[in-house]
Amino acid sequence: MSHRNGIGRTINKGPLELDLMMPLDVLTDHFALLTYLAEAKTLDQFFKRITSILRRLGLTSFAYARLQKTRDVAASVGNVIPEAQKLYQKYDFGRFDMSVEHVLLDDSPVLMSQIKATIGATTFKSTKIEQNAELLKMMATYGYHNYWNNGFDSYSGDGRALIIFGAGGLPSDEFDRRVTKHVFFLLTLSKAVDQVGWQKFPHVFSRIGWSGPVDLGPKPLKLLHVIGRNKVSLKDAAKLCCISDSTANQHIAAAKQALGVNSITAAVLEAARLGLIDVDVRVLGLDLK
């Protein structure tokens, strides 16, 4: 199911296959890391490469967000469980999230285990404390017993960025150990994701706002790809895909609803912007800005 608020979106297309051909020097050489990430041609490939790097460190999950001057989380992308993302938004945890508040004001990263310790040592009750306790409980139900938040000035030069690394199902103490072991590389990786993401996929990594995942199956995406790549009508695309006009219309209706647009051309453009299809939108004669 897709959720959209007209400002930004989270992209989650299920488990990503790992890149087994990742060069080992990616973990030790900054230039190799940037090159490896920058060689990704689509957003899916970019996420796959980030996930492959994290797996080598014993981690599994990441989320990236642009931060406004308030505590609102913006334009989140990553591979965190979509149900957890939806609940984060539904219960407005971003207004009270102490980890986000920390990285807005301080360049030092923070572990959720540190936030948990602060909550446990607090002798009084407040909305902030109660909301953060509920947030920790909610994340634990999805296997996230701890995670690492790092805030920094974005490479784009127009605000702060937040990156979160996690490991589903990993005990909190073991997660602390792994993060401590690799903390300097994680700091480097954070900024590399921000830099390459902003340069390669600016229409995703520079957005302000939050929404749920784009849930779009392979058949509507294939149809959009055929339309965009061949610059053909829906009827001609249906013939190329060997499907009926009725089926093509159903796929397009699903695509437009998931992407929050009202036309076929806008659906192709939006899917290409998000890296869901490999189409050069410049051939459509549309302005990317």
C-alpha atoms as a PDB file:
ATOM      1  CA  MET A   1       0.000   0.000   0.000  1.00  0.00           C
ATOM      2  CA  SER A   2       1.278   3.467  -0.862  1.00  0.00           C
ATOM      3  CA  HIS A   3       1.082   6.577   1.274  1.00  0.00           C
ATOM      4  CA  ARG A   4       1.835  10.044  -0.037  1.00  0.00           C
ATOM      5  CA  ASN A   5       1.630  13.534   1.430  1.00  0.00           C
ATOM      6  CA  GLY A   6       2.713  15.396  -1.683  1.00  0.00           C
ATOM      7  CA  ILE A   7       6.162  16.300  -0.318  1.00  0.00           C
ATOM      8  CA  GLY A   8       8.439  13.280  -0.207  1.00  0.00           C
ATOM      9  CA  ARG A   9       8.425   9.531  -0.028  1.00  0.00           C
ATOM     10  CA  THR A  10      10.202   6.523   1.376  1.00  0.00           C
ATOM     11  CA  ILE A  11      11.159   3.836  -1.096  1.00  0.00           C
ATOM     12  CA  ASN A  12      11.125   0.198  -0.064  1.00  0.00           C
ATOM     13  CA  LYS A  13      10.968  -2.619  -2.570  1.00  0.00           C
ATOM     14  CA  GLY A  14      11.562  -5.561  -0.263  1.00  0.00           C
ATOM     15  CA  PRO A  15      14.785  -7.454   0.509  1.00  0.00           C
ATOM     16  CA  LEU A  16      17.724  -6.418  -1.662  1.00  0.00           C
ATOM     17  CA  GLU A  17      20.163  -8.926  -3.087  1.00  0.00           C
ATOM     18  CA  LEU A  18      23.742  -8.325  -2.033  1.00  0.00           C
ATOM     19  CA  ASP A  19      26.604  -7.395  -4.327  1.00  0.00           C
ATOM     20  CA  LEU A  20      28.978 -10.313  -3.925  1.00  0.00           C
ATOM     21  CA  MET A  21      31.548  -8.646  -6.196  1.00  0.00           C
ATOM     22  CA  MET A  22      32.177  -5.686  -3.896  1.00  0.00           C
ATOM     23  CA  PRO A  23      35.918  -4.800  -3.871  1.00  0.00           C
ATOM     24  CA  LEU A  24      37.498  -5.256  -0.445  1.00  0.00           C
ATOM     25  CA  ASP A  25      39.300  -1.893  -0.593  1.00  0.00           C
ATOM     26  CA  VAL A  26      35.906  -0.207  -0.350  1.00  0.00           C
ATOM     27  CA  LEU A  27      36.221  -0.734   3.417  1.00  0.00           C
ATOM     28  CA  THR A  28      39.648   0.891   3.677  1.00  0.00           C
ATOM     29  CA  ASP A  29      39.981   3.456   0.900  1.00  0.00           C
ATOM     30  CA  HIS A  30      37.760   6.558   0.775  1.00  0.00           C
ATOM     31  CA  PHE A  31      38.136   7.035  -2.977  1.00  0.00           C
ATOM     32  CA  ALA A  32      37.291   3.358  -3.600  1.00  0.00           C
ATOM     33  CA  LEU A  33      34.192   3.739  -1.437  1.00  0.00           C
ATOM     34  CA  LEU A  34      32.979   6.815  -3.349  1.00  0.00           C
ATOM     35  CA  THR A  35      33.715   5.146  -6.693  1.00  0.00           C
ATOM     36  CA  TYR A  36      31.882   1.953  -5.725  1.00  0.00           C
ATOM     37  CA  LEU A  37      28.762   3.862  -4.649  1.00  0.00           C
ATOM     38  CA  ALA A  38      28.865   6.255  -7.605  1.00  0.00           C
ATOM     39  CA  GLU A  39      28.929   3.377 -10.111  1.00  0.00           C
ATOM     40  CA  ALA A  40      25.345   2.484  -9.137  1.00  0.00           C
ATOM     41  CA  LYS A  41      23.085   3.342 -12.066  1.00  0.00           C
ATOM     42  CA  THR A  42      19.738   3.125 -10.256  1.00  0.00           C
ATOM     43  CA  LEU A  43      18.489   3.756  -6.741  1.00  0.00           C
ATOM     44  CA  ASP A  44      17.998   0.011  -6.280  1.00  0.00           C
ATOM     45  CA  GLN A  45      21.652  -0.603  -7.141  1.00  0.00           C
ATOM     46  CA  PHE A  46      22.714   2.193  -4.805  1.00  0.00           C
ATOM     47  CA  PHE A  47      20.762   0.649  -1.918  1.00  0.00           C
ATOM     48  CA  LYS A  48      22.136  -2.787  -2.778  1.00  0.00           C
ATOM     49  CA  ARG A  49      25.708  -1.502  -2.551  1.00  0.00           C
ATOM     50  CA  ILE A  50      25.114   0.257   0.768  1.00  0.00           C
ATOM     51  CA  THR A  51      23.537  -2.921   2.157  1.00  0.00           C
ATOM     52  CA  SER A  52      26.461  -5.030   0.908  1.00  0.00           C
ATOM     53  CA  ILE A  53      28.915  -2.755   2.722  1.00  0.00           C
ATOM     54  CA  LEU A  54      26.894  -2.928   5.941  1.00  0.00           C
ATOM     55  CA  ARG A  55      26.721  -6.717   5.795  1.00  0.00           C
ATOM     56  CA  ARG A  56      30.520  -6.857   5.735  1.00  0.00           C
ATOM     57  CA  LEU A  57      30.435  -4.949   9.035  1.00  0.00           C
ATOM     58  CA  GLY A  58      27.804  -7.194  10.602  1.00  0.00           C
ATOM     59  CA  LEU A  59      24.991  -4.660  10.149  1.00  0.00           C
ATOM     60  CA  THR A  60      21.887  -4.873   7.947  1.00  0.00           C
ATOM     61  CA  SER A  61      19.753  -1.737   7.836  1.00  0.00           C
ATOM     62  CA  PHE A  62      20.022   1.935   7.014  1.00  0.00           C
ATOM     63  CA  ALA A  63      17.852   4.994   6.617  1.00  0.00           C
ATOM     64  CA  TYR A  64      18.797   8.436   5.333  1.00  0.00           C
ATOM     65  CA  ALA A  65      16.833  11.610   5.952  1.00  0.00           C
ATOM     66  CA  ARG A  66      17.157  15.332   5.385  1.00  0.00           C
ATOM     67  CA  LEU A  67      16.491  17.325   8.546  1.00  0.00           C
ATOM     68  CA  GLN A  68      14.651  20.579   8.840  1.00  0.00           C
ATOM     69  CA  LYS A  69      15.377  23.103  11.581  1.00  0.00           C
ATOM     70  CA  THR A  70      12.652  21.461  13.659  1.00  0.00           C
ATOM     71  CA  ARG A  71      12.831  17.852  14.820  1.00  0.00           C
ATOM     72  CA  ASP A  72      10.823  16.643  11.811  1.00  0.00           C
ATOM     73  CA  VAL A  73      12.404  13.812   9.865  1.00  0.00           C
ATOM     74  CA  ALA A  74      12.424  14.535   6.132  1.00  0.00           C
ATOM     75  CA  ALA A  75      12.666  12.607   2.873  1.00  0.00           C
ATOM     76  CA  SER A  76      13.590   9.280   4.414  1.00  0.00           C
ATOM     77  CA  VAL A  77      14.963   6.572   2.137  1.00  0.00           C
ATOM     78  CA  GLY A  78      16.453   3.230   3.045  1.00  0.00           C
ATOM     79  CA  ASN A  79      15.757  -0.444   3.665  1.00  0.00           C
ATOM     80  CA  VAL A  80      14.212  -0.270   7.148  1.00  0.00           C
ATOM     81  CA  ILE A  81      11.041  -2.358   7.577  1.00  0.00           C
ATOM     82  CA  PRO A  82       8.220  -0.268   6.000  1.00  0.00           C
ATOM     83  CA  GLU A  83       5.718  -1.106   8.756  1.00  0.00           C
ATOM     84  CA  ALA A  84       8.058   0.482  11.318  1.00  0.00           C
ATOM     85  CA  GLN A  85       8.372   3.569   9.105  1.00  0.00           C
ATOM     86  CA  LYS A  86       4.597   3.859   8.838  1.00  0.00           C
ATOM     87  CA  LEU A  87       4.136   3.652  12.615  1.00  0.00           C
ATOM     88  CA  TYR A  88       6.882   6.237  13.141  1.00  0.00           C
ATOM     89  CA  GLN A  89       4.860   8.614  11.007  1.00  0.00           C
ATOM     90  CA  LYS A  90       1.430   7.586  12.296  1.00  0.00           C
ATOM     91  CA  TYR A  91       2.312   8.311  15.931  1.00  0.00           C
ATOM     92  CA  ASP A  92       4.333  11.430  15.059  1.00  0.00           C
ATOM     93  CA  PHE A  93       7.443  10.147  16.849  1.00  0.00           C
ATOM     94  CA  GLY A  94       9.570  12.619  14.901  1.00  0.00           C
ATOM     95  CA  ARG A  95       8.304  15.514  17.052  1.00  0.00           C
ATOM     96  CA  PHE A  96       9.773  13.975  20.206  1.00  0.00           C
ATOM     97  CA  ASP A  97      12.573  11.700  18.965  1.00  0.00           C
ATOM     98  CA  MET A  98      15.502  12.470  21.295  1.00  0.00           C
ATOM     99  CA  SER A  99      18.015  10.911  18.899  1.00  0.00           C
ATOM    100  CA  VAL A 100      16.947  13.289  16.116  1.00  0.00           C
ATOM    101  CA  GLU A 101      17.007  16.204  18.542  1.00  0.00           C
ATOM    102  CA  HIS A 102      20.557  15.230  19.491  1.00  0.00           C
ATOM    103  CA  VAL A 103      21.926  15.094  15.933  1.00  0.00           C
ATOM    104  CA  LEU A 104      20.299  18.420  15.070  1.00  0.00           C
ATOM    105  CA  LEU A 105      22.258  20.103  17.840  1.00  0.00           C
ATOM    106  CA  ASP A 106      25.420  18.011  18.056  1.00  0.00           C
ATOM    107  CA  ASP A 107      27.835  16.540  15.490  1.00  0.00           C
ATOM    108  CA  SER A 108      28.549  13.487  17.649  1.00  0.00           C
ATOM    109  CA  PRO A 109      26.607  10.284  16.799  1.00  0.00           C
ATOM    110  CA  VAL A 110      24.271   8.728  19.339  1.00  0.00           C
ATOM    111  CA  LEU A 111      23.230   5.131  20.027  1.00  0.00           C
ATOM    112  CA  MET A 112      19.655   4.349  20.955  1.00  0.00           C
ATOM    113  CA  SER A 113      21.054   2.432  23.926  1.00  0.00           C
ATOM    114  CA  GLN A 114      22.258   5.818  25.221  1.00  0.00           C
ATOM    115  CA  ILE A 115      18.760   7.268  24.797  1.00  0.00           C
ATOM    116  CA  LYS A 116      17.345   4.226  26.590  1.00  0.00           C
ATOM    117  CA  ALA A 117      19.761   4.756  29.485  1.00  0.00           C
ATOM    118  CA  THR A 118      18.714   8.414  29.714  1.00  0.00           C
ATOM    119  CA  ILE A 119      15.047   7.429  29.815  1.00  0.00           C
ATOM    120  CA  GLY A 120      15.746   4.802  32.476  1.00  0.00           C
ATOM    121  CA  ALA A 121      17.573   7.315  34.676  1.00  0.00           C
ATOM    122  CA  THR A 122      14.802   9.936  34.438  1.00  0.00           C
ATOM    123  CA  THR A 123      12.749  10.192  37.622  1.00  0.00           C
ATOM    124  CA  PHE A 124       9.935  12.289  36.178  1.00  0.00           C
ATOM    125  CA  LYS A 125       7.424  11.687  33.408  1.00  0.00           C
ATOM    126  CA  SER A 126       6.935  13.910  30.382  1.00  0.00           C
ATOM    127  CA  THR A 127       5.448  13.579  26.916  1.00  0.00           C
ATOM    128  CA  LYS A 128       8.944  13.432  25.421  1.00  0.00           C
ATOM    129  CA  ILE A 129      10.095  10.658  27.759  1.00  0.00           C
ATOM    130  CA  GLU A 130       6.919   8.636  27.255  1.00  0.00           C
ATOM    131  CA  GLN A 131       7.013   9.013  23.466  1.00  0.00           C
ATOM    132  CA  ASN A 132      10.646   7.916  23.280  1.00  0.00           C
ATOM    133  CA  ALA A 133       9.919   4.933  25.498  1.00  0.00           C
ATOM    134  CA  GLU A 134       7.095   3.966  23.143  1.00  0.00           C
ATOM    135  CA  LEU A 135       9.373   4.462  20.132  1.00  0.00           C
ATOM    136  CA  LEU A 136      11.999   2.128  21.601  1.00  0.00           C
ATOM    137  CA  LYS A 137       9.320  -0.454  22.362  1.00  0.00           C
ATOM    138  CA  MET A 138       7.905  -0.220  18.837  1.00  0.00           C
ATOM    139  CA  MET A 139      11.321  -0.612  17.182  1.00  0.00           C
ATOM    140  CA  ALA A 140      12.109  -3.609  19.410  1.00  0.00           C
ATOM    141  CA  THR A 141       8.982  -5.397  18.157  1.00  0.00           C
ATOM    142  CA  TYR A 142      10.531  -5.254  14.673  1.00  0.00           C
ATOM    143  CA  GLY A 143      13.866  -6.583  15.917  1.00  0.00           C
ATOM    144  CA  TYR A 144      15.685  -3.250  16.238  1.00  0.00           C
ATOM    145  CA  HIS A 145      17.009  -3.364  19.801  1.00  0.00           C
ATOM    146  CA  ASN A 146      19.557  -0.665  19.117  1.00  0.00           C
ATOM    147  CA  TYR A 147      20.611   1.601  16.262  1.00  0.00           C
ATOM    148  CA  TRP A 148      23.164   4.314  15.544  1.00  0.00           C
ATOM    149  CA  ASN A 149      22.175   7.844  14.527  1.00  0.00           C
ATOM    150  CA  ASN A 150      24.653  10.206  12.895  1.00  0.00           C
ATOM    151  CA  GLY A 151      23.829  13.810  12.005  1.00  0.00           C
ATOM    152  CA  PHE A 152      26.021  16.092   9.924  1.00  0.00           C
ATOM    153  CA  ASP A 153      25.961  19.012   7.500  1.00  0.00           C
ATOM    154  CA  SER A 154      24.854  17.715   4.114  1.00  0.00           C
ATOM    155  CA  TYR A 155      27.220  17.765   1.150  1.00  0.00           C
ATOM    156  CA  SER A 156      24.570  19.833  -0.663  1.00  0.00           C
ATOM    157  CA  GLY A 157      25.308  22.744   1.676  1.00  0.00           C
ATOM    158  CA  ASP A 158      21.676  23.479   2.452  1.00  0.00           C
ATOM    159  CA  GLY A 159      20.944  21.745   5.736  1.00  0.00           C
ATOM    160  CA  ARG A 160      21.555  18.800   8.009  1.00  0.00           C
ATOM    161  CA  ALA A 161      21.384  15.135   7.091  1.00  0.00           C
ATOM    162  CA  LEU A 162      20.709  12.120   9.293  1.00  0.00           C
ATOM    163  CA  ILE A 163      21.776   8.555   8.630  1.00  0.00           C
ATOM    164  CA  ILE A 164      20.761   5.610  10.777  1.00  0.00           C
ATOM    165  CA  PHE A 165      22.446   2.204  10.758  1.00  0.00           C
ATOM    166  CA  GLY A 166      20.891  -0.831  12.417  1.00  0.00           C
ATOM    167  CA  ALA A 167      20.933  -4.619  12.570  1.00  0.00           C
ATOM    168  CA  GLY A 168      17.607  -6.390  12.906  1.00  0.00           C
ATOM    169  CA  GLY A 169      17.545  -9.119  15.534  1.00  0.00           C
ATOM    170  CA  LEU A 170      20.957  -8.272  16.991  1.00  0.00           C
ATOM    171  CA  PRO A 171      21.169  -7.889  20.802  1.00  0.00           C
ATOM    172  CA  SER A 172      21.855  -4.338  21.928  1.00  0.00           C
ATOM    173  CA  ASP A 173      25.257  -5.080  23.523  1.00  0.00           C
ATOM    174  CA  GLU A 174      26.544  -6.844  20.411  1.00  0.00           C
ATOM    175  CA  PHE A 175      25.331  -3.990  18.227  1.00  0.00           C
ATOM    176  CA  ASP A 176      27.240  -1.548  20.461  1.00  0.00           C
ATOM    177  CA  ARG A 177      30.376  -3.643  20.023  1.00  0.00           C
ATOM    178  CA  ARG A 178      30.153  -3.754  16.238  1.00  0.00           C
ATOM    179  CA  VAL A 179      29.467  -0.031  15.911  1.00  0.00           C
ATOM    180  CA  THR A 180      32.348   0.827  18.244  1.00  0.00           C
ATOM    181  CA  LYS A 181      34.679  -1.380  16.199  1.00  0.00           C
ATOM    182  CA  HIS A 182      33.751   0.308  12.908  1.00  0.00           C
ATOM    183  CA  VAL A 183      32.736   3.788  14.064  1.00  0.00           C
ATOM    184  CA  PHE A 184      35.318   5.707  12.018  1.00  0.00           C
ATOM    185  CA  PHE A 185      34.355   3.902   8.839  1.00  0.00           C
ATOM    186  CA  LEU A 186      30.635   4.437   9.580  1.00  0.00           C
ATOM    187  CA  LEU A 187      31.289   8.174   9.849  1.00  0.00           C
ATOM    188  CA  THR A 188      32.970   8.060   6.437  1.00  0.00           C
ATOM    189  CA  LEU A 189      30.215   5.898   4.956  1.00  0.00           C
ATOM    190  CA  SER A 190      27.546   8.317   6.226  1.00  0.00           C
ATOM    191  CA  LYS A 191      29.022  11.230   4.333  1.00  0.00           C
ATOM    192  CA  ALA A 192      29.708   9.104   1.252  1.00  0.00           C
ATOM    193  CA  VAL A 193      26.045   8.049   1.075  1.00  0.00           C
ATOM    194  CA  ASP A 194      24.983  11.682   1.452  1.00  0.00           C
ATOM    195  CA  GLN A 195      27.431  12.949  -1.189  1.00  0.00           C
ATOM    196  CA  VAL A 196      26.801  10.294  -3.826  1.00  0.00           C
ATOM    197  CA  GLY A 197      23.057  10.188  -3.144  1.00  0.00           C
ATOM    198  CA  TRP A 198      22.760  13.942  -3.548  1.00  0.00           C
ATOM    199  CA  GLN A 199      24.870  13.956  -6.732  1.00  0.00           C
ATOM    200  CA  LYS A 200      23.347  10.886  -8.415  1.00  0.00           C
ATOM    201  CA  PHE A 201      19.750  10.976  -7.156  1.00  0.00           C
ATOM    202  CA  PRO A 202      19.073  14.600  -6.154  1.00  0.00           C
ATOM    203  CA  HIS A 203      15.313  14.352  -6.612  1.00  0.00           C
ATOM    204  CA  VAL A 204      15.221  11.710  -3.880  1.00  0.00           C
ATOM    205  CA  PHE A 205      18.014  12.817  -1.555  1.00  0.00           C
ATOM    206  CA  SER A 206      17.168  16.531  -1.486  1.00  0.00           C
ATOM    207  CA  ARG A 207      13.464  16.311  -0.715  1.00  0.00           C
ATOM    208  CA  ILE A 208      11.840  17.802   2.351  1.00  0.00           C
ATOM    209  CA  GLY A 209       8.952  15.848   3.824  1.00  0.00           C
ATOM    210  CA  TRP A 210       7.960  12.329   4.773  1.00  0.00           C
ATOM    211  CA  SER A 211       5.710   9.668   3.363  1.00  0.00           C
ATOM    212  CA  GLY A 212       5.337   5.941   3.265  1.00  0.00           C
ATOM    213  CA  PRO A 213       6.766   3.428   0.818  1.00  0.00           C
ATOM    214  CA  VAL A 214       6.078   3.277  -2.905  1.00  0.00           C
ATOM    215  CA  ASP A 215       4.639  -0.186  -3.437  1.00  0.00           C
ATOM    216  CA  LEU A 216       4.670  -0.898  -7.159  1.00  0.00           C
ATOM    217  CA  GLY A 217       4.940  -4.340  -8.705  1.00  0.00           C
ATOM    218  CA  PRO A 218       7.172  -5.428 -11.597  1.00  0.00           C
ATOM    219  CA  LYS A 219       4.436  -5.463 -14.271  1.00  0.00           C
ATOM    220  CA  PRO A 220       3.415  -1.770 -13.964  1.00  0.00           C
ATOM    221  CA  LEU A 221       7.112  -0.856 -13.767  1.00  0.00           C
ATOM    222  CA  LYS A 222       7.863  -2.851 -16.923  1.00  0.00           C
ATOM    223  CA  LEU A 223       5.050  -1.055 -18.737  1.00  0.00           C
ATOM    224  CA  LEU A 224       6.354   2.363 -17.635  1.00  0.00           C
ATOM    225  CA  HIS A 225       9.842   1.342 -18.717  1.00  0.00           C
ATOM    226  CA  VAL A 226       8.633   0.333 -22.191  1.00  0.00           C
ATOM    227  CA  ILE A 227       6.676   3.575 -22.614  1.00  0.00           C
ATOM    228  CA  GLY A 228       9.580   5.738 -21.504  1.00  0.00           C
ATOM    229  CA  ARG A 229      12.363   3.879 -23.283  1.00  0.00           C
ATOM    230  CA  ASN A 230      10.520   3.570 -26.608  1.00  0.00           C
ATOM    231  CA  LYS A 231       8.459   6.784 -26.414  1.00  0.00           C
ATOM    232  CA  VAL A 232       5.306   4.928 -27.442  1.00  0.00           C
ATOM    233  CA  SER A 233       1.638   5.171 -26.552  1.00  0.00           C
ATOM    234  CA  LEU A 234       0.035   2.956 -23.930  1.00  0.00           C
ATOM    235  CA  LYS A 235      -1.647   0.929 -26.668  1.00  0.00           C
ATOM    236  CA  ASP A 236       1.662   0.291 -28.447  1.00  0.00           C
ATOM    237  CA  ALA A 237       3.383  -0.483 -25.143  1.00  0.00           C
ATOM    238  CA  ALA A 238       0.695  -3.064 -24.381  1.00  0.00           C
ATOM    239  CA  LYS A 239       1.490  -4.795 -27.683  1.00  0.00           C
ATOM    240  CA  LEU A 240       5.215  -4.774 -26.927  1.00  0.00           C
ATOM    241  CA  CYS A 241       4.514  -6.301 -23.501  1.00  0.00           C
ATOM    242  CA  CYS A 242       2.105  -8.851 -25.023  1.00  0.00           C
ATOM    243  CA  ILE A 243      -0.778  -7.799 -22.759  1.00  0.00           C
ATOM    244  CA  SER A 244      -4.314  -6.609 -23.478  1.00  0.00           C
ATOM    245  CA  ASP A 245      -5.329  -2.948 -23.462  1.00  0.00           C
ATOM    246  CA  SER A 246      -7.493  -3.646 -20.419  1.00  0.00           C
ATOM    247  CA  THR A 247      -4.555  -5.117 -18.479  1.00  0.00           C
ATOM    248  CA  ALA A 248      -2.344  -2.207 -19.533  1.00  0.00           C
ATOM    249  CA  ASN A 249      -4.920   0.267 -18.259  1.00  0.00           C
ATOM    250  CA  GLN A 250      -5.042  -1.556 -14.906  1.00  0.00           C
ATOM    251  CA  HIS A 251      -1.244  -1.436 -14.602  1.00  0.00           C
ATOM    252  CA  ILE A 252      -1.150   2.272 -15.419  1.00  0.00           C
ATOM    253  CA  ALA A 253      -3.927   3.045 -12.931  1.00  0.00           C
ATOM    254  CA  ALA A 254      -1.948   1.224 -10.221  1.00  0.00           C
ATOM    255  CA  ALA A 255       1.237   3.080 -11.180  1.00  0.00           C
ATOM    256  CA  LYS A 256      -0.416   6.506 -11.124  1.00  0.00           C
ATOM    257  CA  GLN A 257      -1.992   5.814  -7.733  1.00  0.00           C
ATOM    258  CA  ALA A 258       1.255   4.508  -6.204  1.00  0.00           C
ATOM    259  CA  LEU A 259       3.310   7.407  -7.556  1.00  0.00           C
ATOM    260  CA  GLY A 260       0.708  10.050  -6.759  1.00  0.00           C
ATOM    261  CA  VAL A 261       0.434  11.445 -10.296  1.00  0.00           C
ATOM    262  CA  ASN A 262      -2.383  11.992 -12.774  1.00  0.00           C
ATOM    263  CA  SER A 263      -0.908  11.170 -16.174  1.00  0.00           C
ATOM    264  CA  ILE A 264       1.124   8.465 -17.894  1.00  0.00           C
ATOM    265  CA  THR A 265       3.938  10.866 -18.738  1.00  0.00           C
ATOM    266  CA  ALA A 266       4.126  12.042 -15.118  1.00  0.00           C
ATOM    267  CA  ALA A 267       4.197   8.408 -13.952  1.00  0.00           C
ATOM    268  CA  VAL A 268       7.151   7.627 -16.260  1.00  0.00           C
ATOM    269  CA  LEU A 269       8.959  10.760 -15.106  1.00  0.00           C
ATOM    270  CA  GLU A 270       8.378  10.076 -11.413  1.00  0.00           C
ATOM    271  CA  ALA A 271       9.394   6.407 -11.657  1.00  0.00           C
ATOM    272  CA  ALA A 272      12.593   7.426 -13.476  1.00  0.00           C
ATOM    273  CA  ARG A 273      13.355  10.114 -10.892  1.00  0.00           C
ATOM    274  CA  LEU A 274      13.069   7.555  -8.108  1.00  0.00           C
ATOM    275  CA  GLY A 275      15.342   5.093  -9.893  1.00  0.00           C
ATOM    276  CA  LEU A 276      12.530   2.557 -10.268  1.00  0.00           C
ATOM    277  CA  ILE A 277      13.019   2.357 -14.047  1.00  0.00           C
ATOM    278  CA  ASP A 278      16.112   2.940 -16.150  1.00  0.00           C
ATOM    279  CA  VAL A 279      14.906   5.692 -18.482  1.00  0.00           C
ATOM    280  CA  ASP A 280      16.602   8.954 -19.434  1.00  0.00           C
ATOM    281  CA  VAL A 281      13.774  11.394 -18.700  1.00  0.00           C
ATOM    282  CA  ARG A 282      15.444  14.048 -20.838  1.00  0.00           C
ATOM    283  CA  VAL A 283      14.136  12.243 -23.922  1.00  0.00           C
ATOM    284  CA  LEU A 284      10.622  13.073 -22.747  1.00  0.00           C
ATOM    285  CA  GLY A 285      11.325  16.790 -23.008  1.00  0.00           C
ATOM    286  CA  LEU A 286      10.312  17.448 -19.378  1.00  0.00           C
ATOM    287  CA  ASP A 287      12.008  19.680 -16.829  1.00  0.00           C
ATOM    288  CA  LEU A 288      13.511  17.702 -13.946  1.00  0.00           C
ATOM    289  CA  LYS A 289      13.450  20.622 -11.509  1.00  0.00           C
END
